[in-house]
């Protein structure tokens, strides 16, 4: 975090109140320039691809993965 930089920051929480979910908030990770390399690593890391790389027209491409805790995570890239 850099105060006043305009950059986003975040954190991860683990507690009895926080339950992994496929239907919760979607966090999107930027995978520029091309998410193909990232998607090839998902299964080996213990996750699963739930929606393959899909065109979203002029906005690039998106995909969804399920992480090792059961959360659905979005991926975005320009190529």
N, C-alpha and C. Protein backbone atom coordinates (compact mmCIF):
# COMPACT_ATOMS: atom_id res chain seq x y z
N UNK A 1 0.84 -1.19 0.00
CA UNK A 1 0.00 0.00 0.00
C UNK A 1 0.87 1.24 0.00
N UNK A 2 0.59 2.16 -0.90
CA UNK A 2 1.27 3.45 -0.96
C UNK A 2 0.20 4.53 -0.90
N UNK A 3 0.10 5.20 0.23
CA UNK A 3 -0.91 6.24 0.42
C UNK A 3 -0.82 7.28 -0.68
N UNK A 4 -1.95 7.56 -1.33
CA UNK A 4 -2.02 8.57 -2.37
C UNK A 4 -1.53 8.13 -3.73
N UNK A 5 -1.13 6.86 -3.88
CA UNK A 5 -0.58 6.39 -5.15
C UNK A 5 -1.67 6.06 -6.18
N UNK A 6 -2.89 5.83 -5.72
CA UNK A 6 -3.96 5.41 -6.61
C UNK A 6 -3.95 3.92 -6.88
N UNK A 7 -2.99 3.19 -6.33
CA UNK A 7 -2.91 1.74 -6.51
C UNK A 7 -3.83 1.04 -5.53
N UNK A 8 -4.41 -0.06 -5.96
CA UNK A 8 -5.29 -0.85 -5.10
C UNK A 8 -4.45 -1.78 -4.23
N UNK A 9 -4.94 -2.04 -3.05
CA UNK A 9 -4.30 -3.03 -2.18
C UNK A 9 -5.38 -3.96 -1.67
N UNK A 10 -5.00 -4.99 -0.96
CA UNK A 10 -5.99 -5.92 -0.46
C UNK A 10 -5.40 -6.84 0.58
N UNK A 11 -6.19 -7.76 1.03
CA UNK A 11 -5.73 -8.71 2.02
C UNK A 11 -6.54 -9.99 1.94
N UNK A 12 -6.04 -11.02 2.59
CA UNK A 12 -6.74 -12.30 2.66
C UNK A 12 -7.07 -12.58 4.11
N UNK A 13 -8.25 -13.10 4.37
CA UNK A 13 -8.69 -13.38 5.74
C UNK A 13 -9.02 -14.86 5.88
N UNK A 14 -8.74 -15.38 7.07
CA UNK A 14 -9.12 -16.75 7.38
C UNK A 14 -9.67 -16.76 8.79
N UNK A 15 -10.89 -17.22 8.95
CA UNK A 15 -11.51 -17.35 10.27
C UNK A 15 -12.73 -18.25 10.13
N UNK A 16 -13.36 -18.58 11.24
CA UNK A 16 -14.58 -19.39 11.21
C UNK A 16 -15.71 -18.65 10.51
N UNK A 17 -15.67 -17.32 10.51
CA UNK A 17 -16.72 -16.52 9.88
C UNK A 17 -16.57 -16.44 8.36
N UNK A 18 -15.37 -16.65 7.84
CA UNK A 18 -15.12 -16.55 6.42
C UNK A 18 -15.13 -17.94 5.79
N UNK A 19 -16.09 -18.18 4.89
CA UNK A 19 -16.26 -19.49 4.27
C UNK A 19 -15.94 -19.40 2.78
N UNK A 20 -15.02 -20.23 2.28
CA UNK A 20 -14.77 -20.26 0.84
C UNK A 20 -16.05 -20.55 0.08
N UNK A 21 -16.19 -19.95 -1.10
CA UNK A 21 -17.43 -20.10 -1.84
C UNK A 21 -17.21 -19.86 -3.33
N UNK A 22 -17.95 -20.58 -4.15
CA UNK A 22 -17.95 -20.34 -5.58
C UNK A 22 -18.90 -19.21 -5.94
N UNK A 23 -19.80 -18.85 -5.03
CA UNK A 23 -20.81 -17.84 -5.34
C UNK A 23 -20.58 -16.51 -4.63
N UNK A 24 -19.45 -16.35 -3.99
CA UNK A 24 -19.15 -15.10 -3.29
C UNK A 24 -18.64 -14.04 -4.24
N UNK A 25 -18.01 -13.03 -3.67
CA UNK A 25 -17.43 -11.93 -4.44
C UNK A 25 -16.39 -12.49 -5.40
N UNK A 26 -16.36 -11.99 -6.62
CA UNK A 26 -15.38 -12.43 -7.61
C UNK A 26 -14.20 -11.46 -7.61
N UNK A 27 -13.04 -11.99 -7.35
CA UNK A 27 -11.80 -11.23 -7.47
C UNK A 27 -11.22 -11.57 -8.84
N UNK A 28 -10.86 -10.55 -9.61
CA UNK A 28 -10.26 -10.75 -10.93
C UNK A 28 -8.78 -10.41 -10.86
N UNK A 29 -7.96 -11.29 -11.39
CA UNK A 29 -6.52 -11.07 -11.45
C UNK A 29 -6.12 -10.78 -12.89
N UNK A 30 -5.25 -9.79 -13.05
CA UNK A 30 -4.76 -9.43 -14.37
C UNK A 30 -3.65 -10.39 -14.76
N UNK A 31 -3.74 -10.97 -15.94
CA UNK A 31 -2.76 -11.95 -16.43
C UNK A 31 -2.13 -11.49 -17.73
N UNK A 32 -1.95 -10.19 -17.92
CA UNK A 32 -1.39 -9.68 -19.18
C UNK A 32 0.06 -10.11 -19.32
N UNK A 33 0.49 -10.35 -20.53
CA UNK A 33 -0.28 -10.09 -21.74
C UNK A 33 -1.22 -11.23 -22.15
N UNK A 34 -0.97 -12.48 -21.71
CA UNK A 34 -1.78 -13.62 -22.17
C UNK A 34 -1.96 -14.62 -21.02
N UNK A 35 -3.20 -14.92 -20.67
CA UNK A 35 -3.47 -15.80 -19.53
C UNK A 35 -3.21 -17.28 -19.81
N UNK A 36 -2.91 -17.65 -21.03
CA UNK A 36 -2.73 -19.06 -21.37
C UNK A 36 -1.68 -19.74 -20.49
N UNK A 37 -0.57 -19.06 -20.21
CA UNK A 37 0.48 -19.63 -19.36
C UNK A 37 -0.03 -19.86 -17.94
N UNK A 38 -0.83 -18.95 -17.44
CA UNK A 38 -1.41 -19.08 -16.10
C UNK A 38 -2.36 -20.27 -16.04
N UNK A 39 -3.25 -20.38 -17.02
CA UNK A 39 -4.24 -21.47 -17.03
C UNK A 39 -3.57 -22.84 -17.08
N UNK A 40 -2.42 -22.95 -17.74
CA UNK A 40 -1.71 -24.22 -17.82
C UNK A 40 -1.17 -24.66 -16.46
N UNK A 41 -1.02 -23.73 -15.51
CA UNK A 41 -0.45 -24.03 -14.19
C UNK A 41 -1.49 -24.33 -13.12
N UNK A 42 -2.76 -24.05 -13.40
CA UNK A 42 -3.81 -24.14 -12.38
C UNK A 42 -3.96 -25.55 -11.80
N UNK A 43 -4.12 -26.56 -12.64
CA UNK A 43 -4.34 -27.93 -12.15
C UNK A 43 -3.14 -28.43 -11.34
N UNK A 44 -1.94 -28.14 -11.81
CA UNK A 44 -0.73 -28.59 -11.10
C UNK A 44 -0.61 -27.94 -9.72
N UNK A 45 -1.22 -26.77 -9.56
CA UNK A 45 -1.19 -26.06 -8.28
C UNK A 45 -2.34 -26.47 -7.36
N UNK A 46 -3.20 -27.39 -7.82
CA UNK A 46 -4.30 -27.88 -6.99
C UNK A 46 -5.64 -27.24 -7.26
N UNK A 47 -5.73 -26.37 -8.25
CA UNK A 47 -6.99 -25.72 -8.59
C UNK A 47 -7.63 -26.38 -9.80
N UNK A 48 -8.67 -25.73 -10.32
CA UNK A 48 -9.37 -26.25 -11.50
C UNK A 48 -9.85 -25.07 -12.34
N UNK A 49 -9.85 -25.24 -13.65
CA UNK A 49 -10.40 -24.24 -14.56
C UNK A 49 -11.90 -24.51 -14.67
N UNK A 50 -12.73 -23.55 -14.27
CA UNK A 50 -14.18 -23.75 -14.33
C UNK A 50 -14.81 -23.10 -15.57
N UNK A 51 -14.13 -22.13 -16.17
CA UNK A 51 -14.54 -21.56 -17.45
C UNK A 51 -13.27 -21.27 -18.22
N UNK A 52 -13.08 -21.87 -19.38
CA UNK A 52 -11.84 -21.65 -20.14
C UNK A 52 -11.73 -20.22 -20.65
N UNK A 53 -10.58 -19.90 -21.18
CA UNK A 53 -10.34 -18.58 -21.77
C UNK A 53 -11.43 -18.28 -22.78
N UNK A 54 -12.10 -17.15 -22.59
CA UNK A 54 -13.27 -16.77 -23.38
C UNK A 54 -13.13 -15.33 -23.83
N UNK A 55 -13.39 -15.07 -25.09
CA UNK A 55 -13.32 -13.70 -25.61
C UNK A 55 -14.43 -12.84 -25.02
N UNK A 56 -14.07 -11.61 -24.66
CA UNK A 56 -15.07 -10.61 -24.26
C UNK A 56 -14.94 -9.40 -25.19
N UNK A 57 -14.72 -9.73 -26.46
CA UNK A 57 -14.66 -8.72 -27.51
C UNK A 57 -13.49 -7.76 -27.35
N UNK A 58 -13.76 -6.49 -27.51
CA UNK A 58 -12.71 -5.47 -27.46
C UNK A 58 -12.05 -5.36 -26.09
N UNK A 59 -12.63 -6.00 -25.09
CA UNK A 59 -12.08 -5.92 -23.72
C UNK A 59 -11.10 -7.05 -23.41
N UNK A 60 -10.82 -7.91 -24.37
CA UNK A 60 -9.83 -8.96 -24.17
C UNK A 60 -10.45 -10.32 -23.91
N UNK A 61 -9.94 -11.00 -22.88
CA UNK A 61 -10.36 -12.36 -22.57
C UNK A 61 -10.54 -12.53 -21.06
N UNK A 62 -11.38 -13.48 -20.70
CA UNK A 62 -11.57 -13.80 -19.29
C UNK A 62 -11.67 -15.30 -19.13
N UNK A 63 -11.45 -15.75 -17.89
CA UNK A 63 -11.61 -17.16 -17.53
C UNK A 63 -11.92 -17.20 -16.05
N UNK A 64 -12.41 -18.33 -15.57
CA UNK A 64 -12.63 -18.52 -14.14
C UNK A 64 -11.90 -19.78 -13.69
N UNK A 65 -11.32 -19.72 -12.52
CA UNK A 65 -10.68 -20.87 -11.90
C UNK A 65 -11.27 -21.06 -10.51
N UNK A 66 -11.15 -22.27 -9.99
CA UNK A 66 -11.51 -22.56 -8.60
C UNK A 66 -10.18 -22.78 -7.87
N UNK A 67 -9.93 -21.98 -6.84
CA UNK A 67 -8.65 -22.13 -6.13
C UNK A 67 -8.70 -23.31 -5.17
N UNK A 68 -7.61 -23.56 -4.48
CA UNK A 68 -7.50 -24.74 -3.61
C UNK A 68 -8.42 -24.67 -2.41
N UNK A 69 -8.98 -23.50 -2.10
CA UNK A 69 -9.92 -23.37 -0.99
C UNK A 69 -11.37 -23.39 -1.44
N UNK A 70 -11.61 -23.47 -2.75
CA UNK A 70 -12.97 -23.54 -3.27
C UNK A 70 -13.55 -22.22 -3.73
N UNK A 71 -12.74 -21.16 -3.79
CA UNK A 71 -13.21 -19.86 -4.26
C UNK A 71 -13.13 -19.78 -5.78
N UNK A 72 -14.09 -19.08 -6.38
CA UNK A 72 -14.07 -18.81 -7.80
C UNK A 72 -13.30 -17.51 -8.01
N UNK A 73 -12.29 -17.55 -8.87
CA UNK A 73 -11.43 -16.39 -9.14
C UNK A 73 -11.46 -16.10 -10.64
N UNK A 74 -11.65 -14.84 -11.00
CA UNK A 74 -11.66 -14.45 -12.40
C UNK A 74 -10.27 -14.06 -12.87
N UNK A 75 -9.97 -14.35 -14.12
CA UNK A 75 -8.73 -13.96 -14.75
C UNK A 75 -9.05 -13.09 -15.95
N UNK A 76 -8.20 -12.11 -16.23
CA UNK A 76 -8.39 -11.23 -17.39
C UNK A 76 -7.05 -11.02 -18.07
N UNK A 77 -7.06 -10.98 -19.41
CA UNK A 77 -5.87 -10.59 -20.17
C UNK A 77 -6.30 -9.95 -21.47
N UNK A 78 -5.38 -9.23 -22.08
CA UNK A 78 -5.67 -8.56 -23.34
C UNK A 78 -5.55 -9.49 -24.54
N UNK A 79 -4.74 -10.55 -24.41
CA UNK A 79 -4.53 -11.49 -25.52
C UNK A 79 -5.03 -12.87 -25.15
